[in-house]
Amino acid sequence: MGWALNLQGVVSEHDPYGFKRDSRYARRELAWEVVHAKQELRQELLWVKHDAEQYQANHNSNGALGLAKLVRGGIPSRRRQTVWPQLLQADALRSASPPGHFRALLEQARLCPIPIVDEQIELDLPRTFPGHLLLSDPEGIHALRQVLVAYSRRQPAVGYVQGMGFMAALLLVVIEDVEECFWCLAAVVECRLPPHFLEGSLLGVRLEQAVFHDLLTKREDLADILPGVPSELFSTPWFIAAFANTFPIETRLRVWDVFLLEGVSALHQVGIAMLRTAEPKAVRCADTYGQLCVLQEEEAVCFDSDRLIRLAFEELLVGQAKRRSGKRRSGEERSGNHRAGNCSSAELEVLRSKYRSQITDSLGTLSPATPRAPALTLSQCLSLS
């Protein structure tokens, strides 16, 4: 990671990951980069001692807990390019598909354009991380286009949703290889997000927001922040892009480190932690608009990634433990693995079941059990051309 201060003491326009700095917070961000560099050196020593691969090969509970702890502590930036695909098991997804699948999808897209999808992708390409060094370059834009167009053909029921652009772009910034990025995006959508999350009328996103709102109503410590405000008013960008377009980049990457291992439950935990971060300032506001502005500001200056992750994945668990007086905690409760707020993964699914019919009926959409429409094969495309 390079330093972003030139010889005249002027802050560089771009951060070490290539993102254009927000001029309002540039010097504060630079100060935090020094802190993050020291944290990364300490974390690298832990990764040297406990390599992620040995935990992936170890299927006992101690190995799983060790990996979760290691990932929550942060993946060093130089390791993410290899560790993220490993956490997602992207190679397994690739192996389960026909050889040359990615290139075949691109050829299918060339022979069988889908204007409503392809035109929306083109519109969004320059709006995805504008000013980023890679994604402002024609080669980088083309790489992002390939990933999004290919995935829209792999899963026509999903097609393209704007949030996918930010997810794919974040993967591309870290992983760089276009095809590897495609398989990682496929693993995120198909294995880390709940079924139907990005399909059609975004049933899965709306369902997850209903679950998140339910979690918030049970949190006494958040009762005074945005009371009576539907959580989707502020949480839609969080869920639709899985925080890929929220927070300063270092914090964003730390959130994704955990999300790629633990799945959507991590998004709930981070959302609650973000509200807890904003709560002290927000409760002093006179109205809802002021609270929403505070929340937006706190997102933009959330440079202390360690604190956010600690709030999300450690302190929430401590609070749960204190409330379970007289009860012996299970292994999952002791580790905090796959927990969101006051809910385990199983409890999250109970909440989804509670709201699924209600949201499905309100949207007039297909049942979640409806299978996805199959993609046209290359030979079918050739027959149409």
Protein backbone atom coordinates (compact mmCIF):
# COMPACT_ATOMS: atom_id res chain seq x y z
CA MET A 1 0.00 0.00 0.00
CA GLY A 2 1.57 3.28 -1.11
CA TRP A 3 1.40 6.59 0.69
CA ALA A 4 -0.73 9.28 -0.85
CA LEU A 5 1.21 12.43 0.04
CA ASN A 6 3.48 14.02 -2.51
CA LEU A 7 6.72 15.87 -1.81
CA GLN A 8 4.90 19.18 -1.42
CA GLY A 9 2.64 17.71 1.26
CA VAL A 10 -0.41 17.75 -1.01
CA VAL A 11 -2.82 14.87 -0.60
CA SER A 12 -3.07 12.67 -3.69
CA GLU A 13 -6.39 12.78 -5.52
CA HIS A 14 -6.72 8.99 -5.31
CA ASP A 15 -6.34 6.56 -2.43
CA PRO A 16 -4.08 3.48 -2.54
CA TYR A 17 -6.92 1.40 -4.04
CA GLY A 18 -7.49 3.84 -6.90
CA PHE A 19 -10.67 5.48 -5.58
CA LYS A 20 -11.04 9.24 -5.91
CA ARG A 21 -10.90 10.87 -2.50
CA ASP A 22 -13.72 12.96 -1.12
CA SER A 23 -11.98 16.32 -0.72
CA ARG A 24 -13.98 17.03 2.45
CA TYR A 25 -12.34 14.14 4.30
CA ALA A 26 -9.06 13.64 2.42
CA ARG A 27 -6.67 14.56 5.23
CA ARG A 28 -8.64 12.58 7.79
CA GLU A 29 -8.57 9.60 5.43
CA LEU A 30 -4.81 9.94 5.00
CA ALA A 31 -4.31 9.89 8.78
CA TRP A 32 -6.35 6.71 8.99
CA GLU A 33 -4.30 5.10 6.22
CA VAL A 34 -1.30 5.26 8.55
CA VAL A 35 -3.35 3.52 11.25
CA HIS A 36 -4.61 0.90 8.79
CA ALA A 37 -1.08 0.17 7.58
CA LYS A 38 0.02 -0.62 11.14
CA GLN A 39 -3.07 -2.75 11.72
CA GLU A 40 -2.39 -4.62 8.51
CA LEU A 41 1.19 -5.42 9.53
CA ARG A 42 -0.09 -6.96 12.77
CA GLN A 43 -2.80 -8.87 10.93
CA GLU A 44 -0.33 -10.16 8.35
CA LEU A 45 1.65 -11.82 11.14
CA LEU A 46 -1.49 -13.68 12.20
CA TRP A 47 -2.15 -14.79 8.62
CA VAL A 48 1.41 -16.03 8.30
CA LYS A 49 0.92 -18.05 11.48
CA HIS A 50 -2.56 -19.28 10.67
CA ASP A 51 -2.87 -19.53 6.91
CA ALA A 52 -6.45 -19.50 5.65
CA GLU A 53 -5.91 -22.63 3.57
CA GLN A 54 -5.17 -24.81 6.58
CA TYR A 55 -8.49 -23.76 8.12
CA GLN A 56 -10.39 -24.42 4.91
CA ALA A 57 -8.94 -27.93 4.86
CA ASN A 58 -9.84 -28.42 8.52
CA HIS A 59 -13.55 -29.15 8.85
CA ASN A 60 -13.70 -29.38 12.63
CA SER A 61 -15.33 -26.59 14.63
CA ASN A 62 -12.06 -25.14 15.92
CA GLY A 63 -10.83 -24.63 12.34
CA ALA A 64 -14.07 -22.91 11.35
CA LEU A 65 -13.98 -20.66 14.38
CA GLY A 66 -10.34 -19.86 13.78
CA LEU A 67 -11.01 -18.79 10.20
CA ALA A 68 -13.96 -16.62 11.25
CA LYS A 69 -11.84 -14.86 13.86
CA LEU A 70 -9.01 -14.37 11.41
CA VAL A 71 -11.27 -12.94 8.70
CA ARG A 72 -13.06 -10.64 11.12
CA GLY A 73 -9.66 -9.27 12.10
CA GLY A 74 -9.14 -8.31 8.45
CA ILE A 75 -7.56 -9.86 5.38
CA PRO A 76 -4.29 -8.09 4.44
CA SER A 77 -4.73 -6.23 1.16
CA ARG A 78 -2.10 -8.24 -0.70
CA ARG A 79 -3.90 -11.49 0.22
CA ARG A 80 -7.44 -10.53 -0.78
CA GLN A 81 -6.85 -11.33 -4.44
CA THR A 82 -6.43 -15.01 -3.58
CA VAL A 83 -8.37 -15.29 -0.30
CA TRP A 84 -11.66 -13.80 -1.52
CA PRO A 85 -12.11 -16.45 -4.26
CA GLN A 86 -11.17 -19.12 -1.72
CA LEU A 87 -13.74 -17.92 0.80
CA LEU A 88 -16.37 -17.94 -1.95
CA GLN A 89 -15.24 -21.33 -3.28
CA ALA A 90 -15.41 -19.78 -6.74
CA ASP A 91 -13.34 -22.58 -8.27
CA ALA A 92 -15.97 -25.13 -7.22
CA LEU A 93 -18.64 -23.11 -8.99
CA ARG A 94 -16.44 -22.88 -12.09
CA SER A 95 -15.76 -26.62 -12.03
CA ALA A 96 -19.48 -27.37 -11.86
CA SER A 97 -20.07 -25.43 -15.10
CA PRO A 98 -19.18 -26.41 -18.67
CA PRO A 99 -15.62 -25.63 -19.79
CA GLY A 100 -15.37 -22.19 -21.35
CA HIS A 101 -18.64 -21.11 -19.76
CA PHE A 102 -17.63 -17.47 -19.30
CA ARG A 103 -16.47 -17.03 -22.89
CA ALA A 104 -19.57 -18.82 -24.17
CA LEU A 105 -21.78 -16.39 -22.26
CA LEU A 106 -19.95 -13.43 -23.79
CA GLU A 107 -20.40 -14.94 -27.24
CA GLN A 108 -24.07 -15.51 -26.50
CA ALA A 109 -24.40 -11.86 -25.53
CA ARG A 110 -22.70 -10.79 -28.75
CA LEU A 111 -25.00 -12.90 -30.93
CA CYS A 112 -28.20 -12.32 -28.95
CA PRO A 113 -28.33 -8.80 -27.52
CA ILE A 114 -30.95 -8.06 -24.87
CA PRO A 115 -31.41 -4.29 -25.26
CA ILE A 116 -33.28 -3.69 -22.00
CA VAL A 117 -30.41 -5.29 -20.05
CA ASP A 118 -27.43 -4.26 -22.15
CA GLU A 119 -28.51 -0.62 -22.41
CA GLN A 120 -28.99 -0.34 -18.65
CA ILE A 121 -25.52 -1.78 -18.07
CA GLU A 122 -24.06 0.78 -20.47
CA LEU A 123 -25.86 3.59 -18.66
CA ASP A 124 -24.52 2.49 -15.29
CA LEU A 125 -20.90 1.78 -16.24
CA PRO A 126 -19.72 5.41 -15.95
CA ARG A 127 -21.75 5.84 -12.77
CA THR A 128 -20.08 2.93 -10.99
CA PHE A 129 -17.29 4.33 -8.79
CA PRO A 130 -16.77 7.43 -10.98
CA GLY A 131 -13.22 8.69 -10.87
CA HIS A 132 -11.70 5.32 -9.97
CA LEU A 133 -8.41 4.88 -11.81
CA LEU A 134 -9.25 1.44 -13.21
CA LEU A 135 -12.94 1.99 -13.84
CA SER A 136 -12.40 5.32 -15.60
CA ASP A 137 -10.08 3.64 -18.08
CA PRO A 138 -11.59 2.08 -21.26
CA GLU A 139 -9.96 -1.26 -20.46
CA GLY A 140 -11.38 -1.28 -16.94
CA ILE A 141 -14.83 -0.25 -18.14
CA HIS A 142 -14.75 -3.05 -20.70
CA ALA A 143 -13.78 -5.57 -18.02
CA LEU A 144 -16.72 -4.53 -15.83
CA ARG A 145 -19.02 -4.68 -18.84
CA GLN A 146 -17.91 -8.25 -19.60
CA VAL A 147 -18.56 -9.40 -16.03
CA LEU A 148 -22.04 -7.87 -15.88
CA VAL A 149 -23.14 -8.89 -19.38
CA ALA A 150 -21.92 -12.46 -18.89
CA TYR A 151 -23.71 -12.80 -15.56
CA SER A 152 -26.95 -11.42 -17.01
CA ARG A 153 -26.86 -14.35 -19.46
CA ARG A 154 -25.91 -16.89 -16.82
CA GLN A 155 -28.96 -16.02 -14.70
CA PRO A 156 -31.69 -14.41 -16.84
CA ALA A 157 -34.05 -14.38 -13.84
CA VAL A 158 -31.62 -11.97 -12.24
CA GLY A 159 -30.45 -10.20 -15.37
CA TYR A 160 -28.91 -6.97 -14.19
CA VAL A 161 -29.62 -4.85 -11.11
CA GLN A 162 -27.73 -1.64 -10.41
CA GLY A 163 -26.35 -2.91 -7.11
CA MET A 164 -24.62 -5.72 -8.99
CA GLY A 165 -22.46 -3.14 -10.74
CA PHE A 166 -20.98 -1.97 -7.46
CA MET A 167 -20.45 -5.55 -6.27
CA ALA A 168 -18.74 -6.56 -9.52
CA ALA A 169 -16.64 -3.39 -9.55
CA LEU A 170 -15.43 -3.93 -5.99
CA LEU A 171 -14.49 -7.50 -6.86
CA LEU A 172 -12.70 -6.29 -9.97
CA VAL A 173 -10.68 -3.72 -8.02
CA VAL A 174 -9.47 -6.44 -5.66
CA ILE A 175 -9.20 -9.49 -7.92
CA GLU A 176 -8.33 -7.84 -11.27
CA ASP A 177 -8.72 -10.98 -13.41
CA VAL A 178 -12.00 -10.60 -15.33
CA GLU A 179 -13.07 -14.24 -15.43
CA GLU A 180 -12.14 -14.80 -11.78
CA CYS A 181 -14.21 -11.74 -10.93
CA PHE A 182 -17.16 -13.19 -12.88
CA TRP A 183 -17.06 -16.43 -10.89
CA CYS A 184 -16.77 -14.52 -7.63
CA LEU A 185 -19.82 -12.44 -8.53
CA ALA A 186 -21.68 -15.64 -9.36
CA ALA A 187 -20.72 -17.08 -5.97
CA VAL A 188 -21.85 -13.91 -4.16
CA VAL A 189 -25.27 -13.84 -5.86
CA GLU A 190 -25.89 -17.58 -5.83
CA CYS A 191 -24.21 -18.68 -2.60
CA ARG A 192 -23.87 -15.75 -0.20
CA LEU A 193 -27.08 -13.84 -0.84
CA PRO A 194 -30.44 -15.50 -0.11
CA PRO A 195 -32.36 -17.10 -3.02
CA HIS A 196 -34.18 -14.63 -5.29
CA PHE A 197 -32.38 -11.72 -3.64
CA LEU A 198 -31.91 -9.77 -6.88
CA GLU A 199 -34.59 -11.33 -9.04
CA GLY A 200 -37.54 -9.59 -10.65
CA SER A 201 -39.05 -7.05 -8.27
CA LEU A 202 -36.20 -7.52 -5.78
CA LEU A 203 -38.32 -9.76 -3.57
CA GLY A 204 -35.26 -10.98 -1.70
CA VAL A 205 -33.96 -7.47 -1.01
CA ARG A 206 -37.37 -6.37 0.27
CA LEU A 207 -37.65 -9.49 2.38
CA GLU A 208 -34.25 -8.90 3.96
CA GLN A 209 -35.21 -5.31 4.72
CA ALA A 210 -38.37 -6.51 6.47
CA VAL A 211 -36.22 -8.86 8.53
CA PHE A 212 -33.82 -6.02 9.31
CA HIS A 213 -36.69 -3.77 10.42
CA ASP A 214 -37.96 -6.54 12.67
CA LEU A 215 -34.51 -6.82 14.25
CA LEU A 216 -34.41 -3.08 14.87
CA THR A 217 -37.78 -3.03 16.63
CA LYS A 218 -36.35 -5.44 19.21
CA ARG A 219 -33.32 -3.27 19.96
CA GLU A 220 -34.02 -1.03 22.95
CA ASP A 221 -30.70 0.75 22.46
CA LEU A 222 -31.86 1.98 19.03
CA ALA A 223 -35.39 3.00 20.01
CA ASP A 224 -34.63 6.74 19.74
CA ILE A 225 -32.96 6.73 16.34
CA LEU A 226 -35.29 7.20 13.34
CA PRO A 227 -38.43 6.17 15.28
CA GLY A 228 -41.33 5.40 12.98
CA VAL A 229 -39.17 5.66 9.86
CA PRO A 230 -39.32 2.60 7.56
CA SER A 231 -35.85 1.11 7.59
CA GLU A 232 -35.86 0.71 3.80
CA LEU A 233 -35.59 4.50 3.58
CA PHE A 234 -31.95 4.25 4.64
CA SER A 235 -31.09 0.55 4.31
CA THR A 236 -31.91 -0.01 0.62
CA PRO A 237 -28.39 0.98 -0.58
CA TRP A 238 -26.91 -1.20 2.15
CA PHE A 239 -28.67 -4.37 1.07
CA ILE A 240 -29.03 -3.98 -2.69
CA ALA A 241 -25.26 -3.59 -3.09
CA ALA A 242 -24.22 -5.49 0.06
CA PHE A 243 -22.44 -2.35 1.36
CA ALA A 244 -20.21 -2.33 -1.75
CA ASN A 245 -20.96 1.38 -2.22
CA THR A 246 -21.06 2.39 1.46
CA PHE A 247 -18.26 3.51 3.80
CA PRO A 248 -14.69 4.55 3.04
CA ILE A 249 -12.90 1.88 1.04
CA GLU A 250 -10.89 0.29 3.87
CA THR A 251 -14.03 -0.19 5.97
CA ARG A 252 -15.92 -1.44 2.93
CA LEU A 253 -13.28 -4.09 2.29
CA ARG A 254 -13.32 -5.18 5.92
CA VAL A 255 -17.10 -5.62 5.74
CA TRP A 256 -16.73 -7.67 2.59
CA ASP A 257 -14.03 -9.83 4.17
CA VAL A 258 -16.66 -11.06 6.62
CA PHE A 259 -19.61 -11.03 4.21
CA LEU A 260 -17.80 -13.33 1.76
CA LEU A 261 -17.31 -15.88 4.54
CA GLU A 262 -20.49 -15.56 6.58
CA GLY A 263 -23.09 -14.39 4.09
CA VAL A 264 -26.08 -12.09 4.46
CA SER A 265 -26.22 -12.30 8.26
CA ALA A 266 -23.09 -10.14 8.24
CA LEU A 267 -25.01 -7.38 6.46
CA HIS A 268 -27.59 -7.29 9.24
CA GLN A 269 -24.88 -7.09 11.88
CA VAL A 270 -23.05 -4.28 10.09
CA GLY A 271 -26.30 -2.37 9.59
CA ILE A 272 -27.09 -2.51 13.29
CA ALA A 273 -23.51 -1.52 14.15
CA MET A 274 -23.75 1.47 11.79
CA LEU A 275 -26.92 2.67 13.54
CA ARG A 276 -25.23 2.25 16.90
CA THR A 277 -22.32 4.35 15.63
CA ALA A 278 -24.64 7.14 14.51
CA GLU A 279 -26.99 6.97 17.51
CA PRO A 280 -25.19 9.39 19.91
CA LYS A 281 -25.31 12.24 17.38
CA ALA A 282 -28.62 11.27 15.79
CA VAL A 283 -30.65 11.41 19.00
CA ARG A 284 -29.70 15.06 19.42
CA CYS A 285 -31.36 15.98 16.13
CA ALA A 286 -34.71 17.74 16.18
CA ASP A 287 -36.28 15.76 13.33
CA THR A 288 -36.03 12.68 11.15
CA TYR A 289 -34.35 14.55 8.31
CA GLY A 290 -31.54 15.59 10.65
CA GLN A 291 -31.09 12.01 11.82
CA LEU A 292 -30.88 10.75 8.24
CA CYS A 293 -28.23 13.40 7.49
CA VAL A 294 -26.23 12.32 10.54
CA LEU A 295 -26.43 8.69 9.44
CA GLN A 296 -25.21 9.59 5.97
CA GLU A 297 -22.35 11.65 7.40
CA GLU A 298 -21.33 8.87 9.79
CA GLU A 299 -21.20 6.42 6.88
CA ALA A 300 -18.89 8.76 4.96
CA VAL A 301 -16.45 9.20 7.87
CA CYS A 302 -16.50 5.62 9.14
CA PHE A 303 -12.73 5.25 8.77
CA ASP A 304 -12.35 3.26 11.99
CA SER A 305 -13.03 -0.13 10.43
CA ASP A 306 -11.85 -2.00 13.52
CA ARG A 307 -14.44 -0.28 15.67
CA LEU A 308 -17.30 -1.00 13.27
CA ILE A 309 -16.36 -4.67 12.95
CA ARG A 310 -15.98 -4.95 16.72
CA LEU A 311 -19.43 -3.41 17.24
CA ALA A 312 -20.94 -5.72 14.64
CA PHE A 313 -19.36 -9.04 15.52
CA GLU A 314 -18.12 -8.87 19.09
CA GLU A 315 -19.99 -6.40 21.25
CA LEU A 316 -23.39 -7.50 19.97
CA LEU A 317 -22.52 -10.98 21.12
CA VAL A 318 -21.45 -9.77 24.57
CA GLY A 319 -24.85 -8.13 25.00
CA GLN A 320 -26.58 -11.35 23.99
CA ALA A 321 -24.53 -13.36 26.46
CA LYS A 322 -25.48 -11.06 29.33
CA ARG A 323 -29.17 -11.45 28.51
CA ARG A 324 -28.91 -15.24 28.60
CA SER A 325 -28.56 -15.48 32.35
CA GLY A 326 -28.39 -18.99 33.68
CA LYS A 327 -28.12 -20.55 30.21
CA ARG A 328 -25.11 -22.42 28.90
CA ARG A 329 -24.09 -20.98 25.54
CA SER A 330 -23.69 -23.31 22.61
CA GLY A 331 -20.56 -23.39 20.43
CA GLU A 332 -22.24 -21.11 17.88
CA GLU A 333 -23.17 -18.60 20.58
CA ARG A 334 -19.67 -18.63 22.01
CA SER A 335 -18.13 -17.88 18.64
CA GLY A 336 -20.71 -15.39 17.45
CA ASN A 337 -20.47 -17.06 14.05
CA HIS A 338 -23.42 -16.45 11.71
CA ARG A 339 -25.28 -14.20 14.09
CA ALA A 340 -27.08 -10.93 13.36
CA GLY A 341 -28.18 -8.66 16.17
CA ASN A 342 -30.21 -10.96 18.39
CA CYS A 343 -30.71 -13.64 15.73
CA SER A 344 -28.89 -16.71 14.53
CA SER A 345 -29.04 -17.77 10.89
CA ALA A 346 -31.91 -20.10 11.77
CA GLU A 347 -33.80 -17.27 13.45
CA LEU A 348 -33.24 -15.07 10.40
CA GLU A 349 -34.89 -17.74 8.28
CA VAL A 350 -37.83 -17.81 10.68
CA LEU A 351 -38.22 -14.07 10.19
CA ARG A 352 -38.04 -14.48 6.42
CA SER A 353 -40.82 -17.04 6.59
CA LYS A 354 -42.85 -14.61 8.66
CA TYR A 355 -42.74 -11.89 6.01
CA ARG A 356 -42.34 -13.83 2.74
CA SER A 357 -46.02 -14.29 1.91
CA GLN A 358 -46.88 -10.74 2.89
CA ILE A 359 -44.22 -9.23 0.63
CA THR A 360 -44.86 -11.64 -2.22
CA ASP A 361 -48.57 -10.79 -2.18
CA SER A 362 -47.91 -7.05 -2.01
CA LEU A 363 -45.62 -7.23 -5.03
CA GLY A 364 -47.86 -9.59 -6.98
CA THR A 365 -44.76 -11.52 -7.91
CA LEU A 366 -44.01 -15.20 -8.46
CA SER A 367 -43.72 -17.61 -5.58
CA PRO A 368 -40.14 -18.00 -4.30
CA ALA A 369 -40.41 -21.66 -5.19
CA THR A 370 -40.76 -20.82 -8.89
CA PRO A 371 -37.68 -22.06 -10.78
CA ARG A 372 -35.49 -19.64 -12.65
CA ALA A 373 -35.98 -19.32 -16.38
CA PRO A 374 -33.23 -21.19 -18.24
CA ALA A 375 -30.70 -19.26 -20.28
CA LEU A 376 -30.57 -19.65 -24.03
CA THR A 377 -27.73 -21.90 -25.06
CA LEU A 378 -25.16 -20.77 -27.58
CA SER A 379 -26.59 -23.16 -30.16
CA GLN A 380 -30.06 -21.70 -29.64
CA CYS A 381 -28.65 -18.21 -30.16
CA LEU A 382 -26.96 -19.34 -33.37
CA SER A 383 -30.26 -20.71 -34.62
CA LEU A 384 -31.87 -17.31 -34.04
CA SER A 385 -29.18 -15.34 -35.81
